[in-house]
């Protein structure tokens, strides 16, 4: 998997005052490096972060986030590329300010795929 060949894309669904955000790691997985690896999501109310691993390669997917109360943490897809994703919902009155998609390795290390993205 070559990082230079990988592409990250952003999909946003407009809502009344806020919108959901999704960053997808669209290339770099699979034999030819053209399979989708996974994606990170932020809900329209900016309180829920998600991490979805979409390719069975032994590398997990995580979403790192910063909350309005200063907490910096990660949510993992707990079941790898099997159906379902991992989610974290912030407590009432707290929202997600920034996030970034990351690959999660079996040794516990992370490689974040881009810099911090502001949640708008």
PDB file of N, CA and C in Angstrom:
ATOM      1  N   UNK A   1       0.844  -1.175   0.000  1.00  0.00           N
ATOM      2  CA  UNK A   1       0.000   0.000   0.000  1.00  0.00           C
ATOM      3  C   UNK A   1       0.881   1.226   0.000  1.00  0.00           C
ATOM      4  N   UNK A   2       0.760   2.061  -0.992  1.00  0.00           N
ATOM      5  CA  UNK A   2       1.557   3.266  -1.061  1.00  0.00           C
ATOM      6  C   UNK A   2       0.731   4.478  -0.682  1.00  0.00           C
ATOM      7  N   UNK A   3       1.255   5.263   0.247  1.00  0.00           N
ATOM      8  CA  UNK A   3       0.523   6.445   0.692  1.00  0.00           C
ATOM      9  C   UNK A   3       0.382   7.464  -0.433  1.00  0.00           C
ATOM     10  N   UNK A   4       1.368   7.500  -1.324  1.00  0.00           N
ATOM     11  CA  UNK A   4       1.299   8.464  -2.421  1.00  0.00           C
ATOM     12  C   UNK A   4       0.154   8.156  -3.375  1.00  0.00           C
ATOM     13  N   UNK A   5      -0.235   6.892  -3.454  1.00  0.00           N
ATOM     14  CA  UNK A   5      -1.305   6.501  -4.370  1.00  0.00           C
ATOM     15  C   UNK A   5      -2.682   6.615  -3.734  1.00  0.00           C
ATOM     16  N   UNK A   6      -2.725   6.921  -2.459  1.00  0.00           N
ATOM     17  CA  UNK A   6      -3.998   6.942  -1.746  1.00  0.00           C
ATOM     18  C   UNK A   6      -4.722   8.268  -1.934  1.00  0.00           C
ATOM     19  N   UNK A   7      -6.018   8.209  -1.820  1.00  0.00           N
ATOM     20  CA  UNK A   7      -6.829   9.427  -1.934  1.00  0.00           C
ATOM     21  C   UNK A   7      -7.813   9.492  -0.783  1.00  0.00           C
ATOM     22  N   UNK A   8      -8.006  10.672  -0.276  1.00  0.00           N
ATOM     23  CA  UNK A   8      -8.981  10.896   0.785  1.00  0.00           C
ATOM     24  C   UNK A   8     -10.009  11.864   0.237  1.00  0.00           C
ATOM     25  N   UNK A   9     -11.268  11.558   0.462  1.00  0.00           N
ATOM     26  CA  UNK A   9     -12.320  12.435  -0.037  1.00  0.00           C
ATOM     27  C   UNK A   9     -13.264  12.802   1.094  1.00  0.00           C
ATOM     28  N   UNK A  10     -13.918  13.934   0.933  1.00  0.00           N
ATOM     29  CA  UNK A  10     -14.875  14.418   1.925  1.00  0.00           C
ATOM     30  C   UNK A  10     -16.250  14.464   1.298  1.00  0.00           C
ATOM     31  N   UNK A  11     -17.209  13.857   1.995  1.00  0.00           N
ATOM     32  CA  UNK A  11     -18.611  13.954   1.591  1.00  0.00           C
ATOM     33  C   UNK A  11     -19.325  14.715   2.686  1.00  0.00           C
ATOM     34  N   UNK A  12     -20.145  15.658   2.334  1.00  0.00           N
ATOM     35  CA  UNK A  12     -20.893  16.415   3.329  1.00  0.00           C
ATOM     36  C   UNK A  12     -22.342  16.510   2.892  1.00  0.00           C
ATOM     37  N   UNK A  13     -23.237  16.249   3.816  1.00  0.00           N
ATOM     38  CA  UNK A  13     -24.666  16.351   3.550  1.00  0.00           C
ATOM     39  C   UNK A  13     -25.200  17.592   4.251  1.00  0.00           C
ATOM     40  N   UNK A  14     -25.618  18.619   3.525  1.00  0.00           N
ATOM     41  CA  UNK A  14     -26.078  19.841   4.172  1.00  0.00           C
ATOM     42  C   UNK A  14     -27.338  19.635   5.012  1.00  0.00           C
ATOM     43  N   UNK A  15     -27.393  20.308   6.127  1.00  0.00           N
ATOM     44  CA  UNK A  15     -28.544  20.268   7.016  1.00  0.00           C
ATOM     45  C   UNK A  15     -28.935  21.721   7.298  1.00  0.00           C
ATOM     46  N   UNK A  16     -29.891  21.937   8.164  1.00  0.00           N
ATOM     47  CA  UNK A  16     -30.397  23.284   8.443  1.00  0.00           C
ATOM     48  C   UNK A  16     -29.278  24.216   8.906  1.00  0.00           C
ATOM     49  N   UNK A  17     -28.612  23.916  10.022  1.00  0.00           N
ATOM     50  CA  UNK A  17     -27.551  24.786  10.513  1.00  0.00           C
ATOM     51  C   UNK A  17     -26.222  24.062  10.591  1.00  0.00           C
ATOM     52  N   UNK A  18     -26.226  22.779  10.531  1.00  0.00           N
ATOM     53  CA  UNK A  18     -25.011  21.986  10.605  1.00  0.00           C
ATOM     54  C   UNK A  18     -25.131  20.866   9.588  1.00  0.00           C
ATOM     55  N   UNK A  19     -24.049  20.166   9.383  1.00  0.00           N
ATOM     56  CA  UNK A  19     -24.108  19.054   8.452  1.00  0.00           C
ATOM     57  C   UNK A  19     -23.222  17.921   8.932  1.00  0.00           C
ATOM     58  N   UNK A  20     -23.542  16.746   8.466  1.00  0.00           N
ATOM     59  CA  UNK A  20     -22.720  15.585   8.764  1.00  0.00           C
ATOM     60  C   UNK A  20     -21.477  15.639   7.895  1.00  0.00           C
ATOM     61  N   UNK A  21     -20.370  15.093   8.386  1.00  0.00           N
ATOM     62  CA  UNK A  21     -19.119  15.077   7.637  1.00  0.00           C
ATOM     63  C   UNK A  21     -18.606  13.645   7.575  1.00  0.00           C
ATOM     64  N   UNK A  22     -18.055  13.265   6.435  1.00  0.00           N
ATOM     65  CA  UNK A  22     -17.453  11.948   6.267  1.00  0.00           C
ATOM     66  C   UNK A  22     -16.154  12.085   5.487  1.00  0.00           C
ATOM     67  N   UNK A  23     -15.079  11.560   6.054  1.00  0.00           N
ATOM     68  CA  UNK A  23     -13.808  11.481   5.347  1.00  0.00           C
ATOM     69  C   UNK A  23     -13.586  10.025   5.007  1.00  0.00           C
ATOM     70  N   UNK A  24     -13.384   9.730   3.739  1.00  0.00           N
ATOM     71  CA  UNK A  24     -13.142   8.366   3.304  1.00  0.00           C
ATOM     72  C   UNK A  24     -11.719   8.154   2.853  1.00  0.00           C
ATOM     73  N   UNK A  25     -11.140   7.035   3.276  1.00  0.00           N
ATOM     74  CA  UNK A  25      -9.813   6.627   2.816  1.00  0.00           C
ATOM     75  C   UNK A  25     -10.087   5.694   1.650  1.00  0.00           C
ATOM     76  N   UNK A  26     -10.101   6.268   0.437  1.00  0.00           N
ATOM     77  CA  UNK A  26     -10.660   5.608  -0.739  1.00  0.00           C
ATOM     78  C   UNK A  26      -9.704   4.756  -1.551  1.00  0.00           C
ATOM     79  N   UNK A  27      -8.448   4.881  -1.359  1.00  0.00           N
ATOM     80  CA  UNK A  27      -7.514   4.076  -2.145  1.00  0.00           C
ATOM     81  C   UNK A  27      -6.337   3.684  -1.282  1.00  0.00           C
ATOM     82  N   UNK A  28      -5.669   2.638  -1.667  1.00  0.00           N
ATOM     83  CA  UNK A  28      -4.504   2.193  -0.924  1.00  0.00           C
ATOM     84  C   UNK A  28      -4.675   0.807  -0.342  1.00  0.00           C
ATOM     85  N   UNK A  29      -5.874   0.290  -0.317  1.00  0.00           N
ATOM     86  CA  UNK A  29      -6.109  -1.064   0.178  1.00  0.00           C
ATOM     87  C   UNK A  29      -6.305  -2.013  -1.001  1.00  0.00           C
ATOM     88  N   UNK A  30      -6.097  -3.255  -0.749  1.00  0.00           N
ATOM     89  CA  UNK A  30      -6.301  -4.257  -1.793  1.00  0.00           C
ATOM     90  C   UNK A  30      -5.063  -4.485  -2.632  1.00  0.00           C
ATOM     91  N   UNK A  31      -5.107  -5.514  -3.452  1.00  0.00           N
ATOM     92  CA  UNK A  31      -3.965  -5.925  -4.260  1.00  0.00           C
ATOM     93  C   UNK A  31      -3.479  -4.804  -5.179  1.00  0.00           C
ATOM     94  N   UNK A  32      -4.380  -4.120  -5.814  1.00  0.00           N
ATOM     95  CA  UNK A  32      -4.007  -3.041  -6.714  1.00  0.00           C
ATOM     96  C   UNK A  32      -4.075  -1.666  -6.052  1.00  0.00           C
ATOM     97  N   UNK A  33      -4.364  -1.621  -4.774  1.00  0.00           N
ATOM     98  CA  UNK A  33      -4.420  -0.357  -4.051  1.00  0.00           C
ATOM     99  C   UNK A  33      -5.602   0.518  -4.410  1.00  0.00           C
ATOM    100  N   UNK A  34      -6.688  -0.089  -4.892  1.00  0.00           N
ATOM    101  CA  UNK A  34      -7.836   0.714  -5.312  1.00  0.00           C
ATOM    102  C   UNK A  34      -9.122   0.392  -4.554  1.00  0.00           C
ATOM    103  N   UNK A  35      -8.991  -0.286  -3.423  1.00  0.00           N
ATOM    104  CA  UNK A  35     -10.171  -0.605  -2.614  1.00  0.00           C
ATOM    105  C   UNK A  35     -10.307   0.417  -1.484  1.00  0.00           C
ATOM    106  N   UNK A  36     -11.544   0.682  -1.094  1.00  0.00           N
ATOM    107  CA  UNK A  36     -11.809   1.606   0.018  1.00  0.00           C
ATOM    108  C   UNK A  36     -11.392   0.954   1.327  1.00  0.00           C
ATOM    109  N   UNK A  37     -10.566   1.658   2.099  1.00  0.00           N
ATOM    110  CA  UNK A  37     -10.050   1.133   3.367  1.00  0.00           C
ATOM    111  C   UNK A  37     -11.004   1.371   4.531  1.00  0.00           C
ATOM    112  N   UNK A  38     -11.623   2.531   4.570  1.00  0.00           N
ATOM    113  CA  UNK A  38     -12.516   2.870   5.668  1.00  0.00           C
ATOM    114  C   UNK A  38     -12.882   4.338   5.627  1.00  0.00           C
ATOM    115  N   UNK A  39     -13.627   4.776   6.654  1.00  0.00           N
ATOM    116  CA  UNK A  39     -14.034   6.175   6.706  1.00  0.00           C
ATOM    117  C   UNK A  39     -14.357   6.614   8.126  1.00  0.00           C
ATOM    118  N   UNK A  40     -14.278   7.929   8.326  1.00  0.00           N
ATOM    119  CA  UNK A  40     -14.634   8.573   9.584  1.00  0.00           C
ATOM    120  C   UNK A  40     -15.881   9.408   9.360  1.00  0.00           C
ATOM    121  N   UNK A  41     -16.749   9.464  10.367  1.00  0.00           N
ATOM    122  CA  UNK A  41     -17.961  10.271  10.256  1.00  0.00           C
ATOM    123  C   UNK A  41     -18.133  11.156  11.488  1.00  0.00           C
ATOM    124  N   UNK A  42     -18.761  12.295  11.262  1.00  0.00           N
ATOM    125  CA  UNK A  42     -19.198  13.184  12.339  1.00  0.00           C
ATOM    126  C   UNK A  42     -20.661  13.486  12.067  1.00  0.00           C
ATOM    127  N   UNK A  43     -21.508  13.311  13.068  1.00  0.00           N
ATOM    128  CA  UNK A  43     -22.949  13.508  12.900  1.00  0.00           C
ATOM    129  C   UNK A  43     -23.291  14.980  12.676  1.00  0.00           C
ATOM    130  N   UNK A  44     -24.482  15.220  12.147  1.00  0.00           N
ATOM    131  CA  UNK A  44     -24.937  16.575  11.851  1.00  0.00           C
ATOM    132  C   UNK A  44     -25.005  17.456  13.097  1.00  0.00           C
ATOM    133  N   UNK A  45     -25.271  16.859  14.266  1.00  0.00           N
ATOM    134  CA  UNK A  45     -25.317  17.666  15.489  1.00  0.00           C
ATOM    135  C   UNK A  45     -23.932  17.822  16.130  1.00  0.00           C
ATOM    136  N   UNK A  46     -22.896  17.268  15.494  1.00  0.00           N
ATOM    137  CA  UNK A  46     -21.499  17.373  15.908  1.00  0.00           C
ATOM    138  C   UNK A  46     -21.224  16.738  17.269  1.00  0.00           C
ATOM    139  N   UNK A  47     -22.045  15.777  17.659  1.00  0.00           N
ATOM    140  CA  UNK A  47     -21.842  15.112  18.949  1.00  0.00           C
ATOM    141  C   UNK A  47     -21.401  13.660  18.821  1.00  0.00           C
ATOM    142  N   UNK A  48     -21.524  13.047  17.629  1.00  0.00           N
ATOM    143  CA  UNK A  48     -21.167  11.636  17.465  1.00  0.00           C
ATOM    144  C   UNK A  48     -20.076  11.480  16.419  1.00  0.00           C
ATOM    145  N   UNK A  49     -19.017  10.752  16.802  1.00  0.00           N
ATOM    146  CA  UNK A  49     -17.926  10.412  15.889  1.00  0.00           C
ATOM    147  C   UNK A  49     -18.016   8.920  15.584  1.00  0.00           C
ATOM    148  N   UNK A  50     -17.760   8.552  14.338  1.00  0.00           N
ATOM    149  CA  UNK A  50     -17.784   7.146  13.946  1.00  0.00           C
ATOM    150  C   UNK A  50     -16.514   6.754  13.213  1.00  0.00           C
ATOM    151  N   UNK A  51     -16.173   5.470  13.291  1.00  0.00           N
ATOM    152  CA  UNK A  51     -15.033   4.900  12.572  1.00  0.00           C
ATOM    153  C   UNK A  51     -15.494   3.598  11.940  1.00  0.00           C
ATOM    154  N   UNK A  52     -15.307   3.462  10.629  1.00  0.00           N
ATOM    155  CA  UNK A  52     -15.754   2.271   9.905  1.00  0.00           C
ATOM    156  C   UNK A  52     -14.619   1.703   9.067  1.00  0.00           C
ATOM    157  N   UNK A  53     -14.236   0.476   9.364  1.00  0.00           N
ATOM    158  CA  UNK A  53     -13.224  -0.255   8.598  1.00  0.00           C
ATOM    159  C   UNK A  53     -13.965  -1.011   7.503  1.00  0.00           C
ATOM    160  N   UNK A  54     -13.562  -0.836   6.259  1.00  0.00           N
ATOM    161  CA  UNK A  54     -14.290  -1.457   5.151  1.00  0.00           C
ATOM    162  C   UNK A  54     -13.453  -2.452   4.345  1.00  0.00           C
ATOM    163  N   UNK A  55     -12.234  -2.742   4.789  1.00  0.00           N
ATOM    164  CA  UNK A  55     -11.394  -3.671   4.034  1.00  0.00           C
ATOM    165  C   UNK A  55     -10.680  -4.628   4.984  1.00  0.00           C
ATOM    166  N   UNK A  56     -10.807  -5.925   4.749  1.00  0.00           N
ATOM    167  CA  UNK A  56     -10.212  -6.954   5.610  1.00  0.00           C
ATOM    168  C   UNK A  56      -8.734  -7.129   5.258  1.00  0.00           C
ATOM    169  N   UNK A  57      -7.885  -6.321   5.914  1.00  0.00           N
ATOM    170  CA  UNK A  57      -6.446  -6.403   5.657  1.00  0.00           C
ATOM    171  C   UNK A  57      -5.628  -6.465   6.942  1.00  0.00           C
ATOM    172  N   UNK A  58      -6.303  -6.590   8.087  1.00  0.00           N
ATOM    173  CA  UNK A  58      -5.595  -6.642   9.357  1.00  0.00           C
ATOM    174  C   UNK A  58      -5.232  -5.273   9.913  1.00  0.00           C
ATOM    175  N   UNK A  59      -5.579  -4.223   9.195  1.00  0.00           N
ATOM    176  CA  UNK A  59      -5.354  -2.853   9.664  1.00  0.00           C
ATOM    177  C   UNK A  59      -6.708  -2.261  10.011  1.00  0.00           C
ATOM    178  N   UNK A  60      -6.847  -1.782  11.228  1.00  0.00           N
ATOM    179  CA  UNK A  60      -8.118  -1.237  11.681  1.00  0.00           C
ATOM    180  C   UNK A  60      -8.288   0.217  11.288  1.00  0.00           C
ATOM    181  N   UNK A  61      -9.446   0.768  11.628  1.00  0.00           N
ATOM    182  CA  UNK A  61      -9.744   2.165  11.322  1.00  0.00           C
ATOM    183  C   UNK A  61     -10.205   2.858  12.593  1.00  0.00           C
ATOM    184  N   UNK A  62      -9.769   4.096  12.769  1.00  0.00           N
ATOM    185  CA  UNK A  62     -10.112   4.882  13.955  1.00  0.00           C
ATOM    186  C   UNK A  62     -10.406   6.314  13.541  1.00  0.00           C
ATOM    187  N   UNK A  63     -11.154   7.008  14.376  1.00  0.00           N
ATOM    188  CA  UNK A  63     -11.375   8.441  14.210  1.00  0.00           C
ATOM    189  C   UNK A  63     -10.884   9.110  15.479  1.00  0.00           C
ATOM    190  N   UNK A  64      -9.921   9.998  15.333  1.00  0.00           N
ATOM    191  CA  UNK A  64      -9.434  10.780  16.457  1.00  0.00           C
ATOM    192  C   UNK A  64     -10.222  12.083  16.464  1.00  0.00           C
ATOM    193  N   UNK A  65     -10.563  12.592  17.651  1.00  0.00           N
ATOM    194  CA  UNK A  65     -11.378  13.803  17.740  1.00  0.00           C
ATOM    195  C   UNK A  65     -10.976  14.636  18.939  1.00  0.00           C
ATOM    196  N   UNK A  66     -11.321  15.923  18.866  1.00  0.00           N
ATOM    197  CA  UNK A  66     -11.123  16.858  19.972  1.00  0.00           C
ATOM    198  C   UNK A  66     -12.488  17.428  20.313  1.00  0.00           C
ATOM    199  N   UNK A  67     -12.858  17.336  21.586  1.00  0.00           N
ATOM    200  CA  UNK A  67     -14.145  17.842  22.057  1.00  0.00           C
ATOM    201  C   UNK A  67     -14.038  19.290  22.516  1.00  0.00           C
ATOM    202  N   UNK A  68     -15.171  19.953  22.609  1.00  0.00           N
ATOM    203  CA  UNK A  68     -15.219  21.351  23.045  1.00  0.00           C
ATOM    204  C   UNK A  68     -14.751  21.532  24.486  1.00  0.00           C
ATOM    205  N   UNK A  69     -14.709  20.461  25.271  1.00  0.00           N
ATOM    206  CA  UNK A  69     -14.210  20.547  26.646  1.00  0.00           C
ATOM    207  C   UNK A  69     -12.709  20.246  26.737  1.00  0.00           C
ATOM    208  N   UNK A  70     -12.039  20.117  25.560  1.00  0.00           N
ATOM    209  CA  UNK A  70     -10.594  19.912  25.523  1.00  0.00           C
ATOM    210  C   UNK A  70     -10.144  18.469  25.482  1.00  0.00           C
ATOM    211  N   UNK A  71     -11.052  17.509  25.623  1.00  0.00           N
ATOM    212  CA  UNK A  71     -10.688  16.092  25.592  1.00  0.00           C
ATOM    213  C   UNK A  71     -10.298  15.699  24.168  1.00  0.00           C
ATOM    214  N   UNK A  72      -9.176  14.984  24.036  1.00  0.00           N
ATOM    215  CA  UNK A  72      -8.688  14.447  22.761  1.00  0.00           C
ATOM    216  C   UNK A  72      -8.726  12.931  22.902  1.00  0.00           C
ATOM    217  N   UNK A  73      -9.463  12.246  22.042  1.00  0.00           N
ATOM    218  CA  UNK A  73      -9.610  10.799  22.172  1.00  0.00           C
ATOM    219  C   UNK A  73      -9.811  10.163  20.797  1.00  0.00           C
ATOM    220  N   UNK A  74      -9.973   8.840  20.774  1.00  0.00           N
ATOM    221  CA  UNK A  74     -10.201   8.091  19.540  1.00  0.00           C
ATOM    222  C   UNK A  74     -11.371   7.137  19.722  1.00  0.00           C
ATOM    223  N   UNK A  75     -12.067   6.863  18.618  1.00  0.00           N
ATOM    224  CA  UNK A  75     -13.051   5.794  18.579  1.00  0.00           C
ATOM    225  C   UNK A  75     -12.581   4.818  17.507  1.00  0.00           C
ATOM    226  N   UNK A  76     -12.667   3.523  17.801  1.00  0.00           N
ATOM    227  CA  UNK A  76     -12.232   2.470  16.883  1.00  0.00           C
ATOM    228  C   UNK A  76     -13.426   1.725  16.330  1.00  0.00           C
ATOM    229  N   UNK A  77     -13.264   1.153  15.146  1.00  0.00           N
ATOM    230  CA  UNK A  77     -14.230   0.175  14.654  1.00  0.00           C
ATOM    231  C   UNK A  77     -13.884  -1.117  15.383  1.00  0.00           C
ATOM    232  N   UNK A  78     -14.748  -1.596  16.280  1.00  0.00           N
ATOM    233  CA  UNK A  78     -14.384  -2.710  17.156  1.00  0.00           C
ATOM    234  C   UNK A  78     -14.358  -4.082  16.483  1.00  0.00           C
ATOM    235  N   UNK A  79     -14.937  -4.208  15.291  1.00  0.00           N
ATOM    236  CA  UNK A  79     -15.024  -5.535  14.686  1.00  0.00           C
ATOM    237  C   UNK A  79     -14.353  -5.620  13.322  1.00  0.00           C
ATOM    238  N   UNK A  80     -13.381  -4.762  13.088  1.00  0.00           N
ATOM    239  CA  UNK A  80     -12.669  -4.788  11.810  1.00  0.00           C
ATOM    240  C   UNK A  80     -13.614  -4.508  10.659  1.00  0.00           C
ATOM    241  N   UNK A  81     -13.430  -5.226   9.576  1.00  0.00           N
ATOM    242  CA  UNK A  81     -14.218  -4.954   8.378  1.00  0.00           C
ATOM    243  C   UNK A  81     -15.583  -5.641   8.377  1.00  0.00           C
ATOM    244  N   UNK A  82     -15.929  -6.333   9.461  1.00  0.00           N
ATOM    245  CA  UNK A  82     -17.270  -6.925   9.568  1.00  0.00           C
ATOM    246  C   UNK A  82     -18.313  -5.822   9.626  1.00  0.00           C
ATOM    247  N   UNK A  83     -19.555  -6.167   9.353  1.00  0.00           N
ATOM    248  CA  UNK A  83     -20.649  -5.200   9.357  1.00  0.00           C
ATOM    249  C   UNK A  83     -20.725  -4.465  10.693  1.00  0.00           C
ATOM    250  N   UNK A  84     -20.994  -3.175  10.623  1.00  0.00           N
ATOM    251  CA  UNK A  84     -21.081  -2.348  11.821  1.00  0.00           C
ATOM    252  C   UNK A  84     -19.835  -1.491  11.979  1.00  0.00           C
ATOM    253  N   UNK A  85     -19.964  -0.410  12.709  1.00  0.00           N
ATOM    254  CA  UNK A  85     -18.882   0.554  12.917  1.00  0.00           C
ATOM    255  C   UNK A  85     -18.778   0.860  14.405  1.00  0.00           C
ATOM    256  N   UNK A  86     -17.767   1.620  14.782  1.00  0.00           N
ATOM    257  CA  UNK A  86     -17.626   2.074  16.157  1.00  0.00           C
ATOM    258  C   UNK A  86     -18.081   3.513  16.272  1.00  0.00           C
ATOM    259  N   UNK A  87     -18.746   3.852  17.383  1.00  0.00           N
ATOM    260  CA  UNK A  87     -19.274   5.203  17.573  1.00  0.00           C
ATOM    261  C   UNK A  87     -19.013   5.695  18.987  1.00  0.00           C
ATOM    262  N   UNK A  88     -18.851   7.005  19.102  1.00  0.00           N
ATOM    263  CA  UNK A  88     -18.767   7.682  20.396  1.00  0.00           C
ATOM    264  C   UNK A  88     -19.695   8.888  20.324  1.00  0.00           C
ATOM    265  N   UNK A  89     -20.522   9.077  21.354  1.00  0.00           N
ATOM    266  CA  UNK A  89     -21.384  10.254  21.438  1.00  0.00           C
ATOM    267  C   UNK A  89     -20.990  11.077  22.648  1.00  0.00           C
ATOM    268  N   UNK A  90     -20.717  12.355  22.413  1.00  0.00           N
ATOM    269  CA  UNK A  90     -20.317  13.274  23.476  1.00  0.00           C
ATOM    270  C   UNK A  90     -21.491  13.541  24.410  1.00  0.00           C
ATOM    271  N   UNK A  91     -21.197  13.863  25.667  1.00  0.00           N
ATOM    272  CA  UNK A  91     -22.260  14.208  26.611  1.00  0.00           C
ATOM    273  C   UNK A  91     -22.990  15.484  26.190  1.00  0.00           C
ATOM    274  N   UNK A  92     -24.166  15.678  26.725  1.00  0.00           N
ATOM    275  CA  UNK A  92     -24.964  16.867  26.434  1.00  0.00           C
ATOM    276  C   UNK A  92     -24.147  18.132  26.700  1.00  0.00           C
ATOM    277  N   UNK A  93     -24.219  19.084  25.787  1.00  0.00           N
ATOM    278  CA  UNK A  93     -23.514  20.348  25.946  1.00  0.00           C
ATOM    279  C   UNK A  93     -22.073  20.327  25.442  1.00  0.00           C
ATOM    280  N   UNK A  94     -21.596  19.159  25.029  1.00  0.00           N
ATOM    281  CA  UNK A  94     -20.234  19.017  24.513  1.00  0.00           C
ATOM    282  C   UNK A  94     -20.341  18.602  23.051  1.00  0.00           C
ATOM    283  N   UNK A  95     -19.478  19.131  22.201  1.00  0.00           N
ATOM    284  CA  UNK A  95     -19.525  18.793  20.793  1.00  0.00           C
ATOM    285  C   UNK A  95     -18.113  18.552  20.254  1.00  0.00           C
ATOM    286  N   UNK A  96     -18.031  17.949  19.094  1.00  0.00           N
ATOM    287  CA  UNK A  96     -16.756  17.640  18.460  1.00  0.00           C
ATOM    288  C   UNK A  96     -16.305  18.864  17.670  1.00  0.00           C
ATOM    289  N   UNK A  97     -15.090  19.326  17.948  1.00  0.00           N
ATOM    290  CA  UNK A  97     -14.549  20.503  17.262  1.00  0.00           C
ATOM    291  C   UNK A  97     -13.676  20.135  16.073  1.00  0.00           C
ATOM    292  N   UNK A  98     -12.879  19.070  16.204  1.00  0.00           N
ATOM    293  CA  UNK A  98     -11.957  18.648  15.153  1.00  0.00           C
ATOM    294  C   UNK A  98     -11.940  17.129  15.105  1.00  0.00           C
ATOM    295  N   UNK A  99     -11.568  16.597  13.929  1.00  0.00           N
ATOM    296  CA  UNK A  99     -11.416  15.156  13.804  1.00  0.00           C
ATOM    297  C   UNK A  99     -10.444  14.828  12.687  1.00  0.00           C
ATOM    298  N   UNK A 100      -9.967  13.564  12.682  1.00  0.00           N
ATOM    299  CA  UNK A 100      -9.143  13.071  11.587  1.00  0.00           C
ATOM    300  C   UNK A 100      -9.213  11.555  11.535  1.00  0.00           C
ATOM    301  N   UNK A 101      -9.202  10.991  10.320  1.00  0.00           N
ATOM    302  CA  UNK A 101      -9.231   9.540  10.156  1.00  0.00           C
ATOM    303  C   UNK A 101      -7.827   8.959  10.366  1.00  0.00           C
ATOM    304  N   UNK A 102      -7.776   7.778  10.969  1.00  0.00           N
ATOM    305  CA  UNK A 102      -6.486   7.139  11.259  1.00  0.00           C
ATOM    306  C   UNK A 102      -6.563   5.637  10.983  1.00  0.00           C
ATOM    307  N   UNK A 103      -5.437   5.073  10.607  1.00  0.00           N
ATOM    308  CA  UNK A 103      -5.335   3.623  10.534  1.00  0.00           C
ATOM    309  C   UNK A 103      -4.819   3.148  11.884  1.00  0.00           C
ATOM    310  N   UNK A 104      -5.328   2.011  12.338  1.00  0.00           N
ATOM    311  CA  UNK A 104      -4.992   1.470  13.652  1.00  0.00           C
ATOM    312  C   UNK A 104      -4.353   0.097  13.442  1.00  0.00           C
ATOM    313  N   UNK A 105      -3.143  -0.090  13.955  1.00  0.00           N
ATOM    314  CA  UNK A 105      -2.390  -1.331  13.755  1.00  0.00           C
ATOM    315  C   UNK A 105      -2.461  -2.223  14.992  1.00  0.00           C
ATOM    316  N   UNK A 106      -2.230  -3.509  14.789  1.00  0.00           N
ATOM    317  CA  UNK A 106      -2.365  -4.494  15.868  1.00  0.00           C
ATOM    318  C   UNK A 106      -1.394  -4.241  17.022  1.00  0.00           C
ATOM    319  N   UNK A 107      -0.294  -3.535  16.786  1.00  0.00           N
ATOM    320  CA  UNK A 107       0.654  -3.229  17.867  1.00  0.00           C
ATOM    321  C   UNK A 107       0.226  -2.009  18.687  1.00  0.00           C
ATOM    322  N   UNK A 108      -0.960  -1.445  18.362  1.00  0.00           N
ATOM    323  CA  UNK A 108      -1.483  -0.302  19.095  1.00  0.00           C
ATOM    324  C   UNK A 108      -1.110   1.040  18.501  1.00  0.00           C
ATOM    325  N   UNK A 109      -0.286   1.043  17.466  1.00  0.00           N
ATOM    326  CA  UNK A 109       0.118   2.314  16.864  1.00  0.00           C
ATOM    327  C   UNK A 109      -0.955   2.825  15.894  1.00  0.00           C
ATOM    328  N   UNK A 110      -0.889   4.114  15.608  1.00  0.00           N
ATOM    329  CA  UNK A 110      -1.828   4.790  14.715  1.00  0.00           C
ATOM    330  C   UNK A 110      -1.045   5.587  13.687  1.00  0.00           C
ATOM    331  N   UNK A 111      -1.586   5.665  12.512  1.00  0.00           N
ATOM    332  CA  UNK A 111      -1.108   6.608  11.507  1.00  0.00           C
ATOM    333  C   UNK A 111      -2.327   7.391  11.063  1.00  0.00           C
ATOM    334  N   UNK A 112      -2.337   8.680  11.368  1.00  0.00           N
ATOM    335  CA  UNK A 112      -3.464   9.511  10.948  1.00  0.00           C
ATOM    336  C   UNK A 112      -3.221   9.964   9.522  1.00  0.00           C
ATOM    337  N   UNK A 113      -4.259   9.909   8.726  1.00  0.00           N
ATOM    338  CA  UNK A 113      -4.140  10.027   7.283  1.00  0.00           C
ATOM    339  C   UNK A 113      -4.105  11.457   6.784  1.00  0.00           C
ATOM    340  N   UNK A 114      -4.597  12.379   7.587  1.00  0.00           N
ATOM    341  CA  UNK A 114      -4.577  13.798   7.242  1.00  0.00           C
ATOM    342  C   UNK A 114      -4.416  14.585   8.531  1.00  0.00           C
ATOM    343  N   UNK A 115      -4.260  15.886   8.407  1.00  0.00           N
ATOM    344  CA  UNK A 115      -4.220  16.750   9.584  1.00  0.00           C
ATOM    345  C   UNK A 115      -5.637  16.926  10.140  1.00  0.00           C
ATOM    346  N   UNK A 116      -5.734  17.697  11.201  1.00  0.00           N
ATOM    347  CA  UNK A 116      -7.029  17.943  11.828  1.00  0.00           C
ATOM    348  C   UNK A 116      -7.955  18.692  10.884  1.00  0.00           C
ATOM    349  N   UNK A 117      -9.199  18.257  10.846  1.00  0.00           N
ATOM    350  CA  UNK A 117     -10.259  18.924  10.088  1.00  0.00           C
ATOM    351  C   UNK A 117     -11.215  19.570  11.069  1.00  0.00           C
ATOM    352  N   UNK A 118     -11.527  20.852  10.873  1.00  0.00           N
ATOM    353  CA  UNK A 118     -12.504  21.530  11.715  1.00  0.00           C
ATOM    354  C   UNK A 118     -13.898  21.001  11.392  1.00  0.00           C
ATOM    355  N   UNK A 119     -14.702  20.792  12.400  1.00  0.00           N
ATOM    356  CA  UNK A 119     -16.086  20.368  12.215  1.00  0.00           C
ATOM    357  C   UNK A 119     -16.907  21.637  12.091  1.00  0.00           C
ATOM    358  N   UNK A 120     -17.575  21.779  10.962  1.00  0.00           N
ATOM    359  CA  UNK A 120     -18.326  22.999  10.702  1.00  0.00           C
ATOM    360  C   UNK A 120     -19.781  22.699  10.457  1.00  0.00           C
TER     361      UNK A 120
END
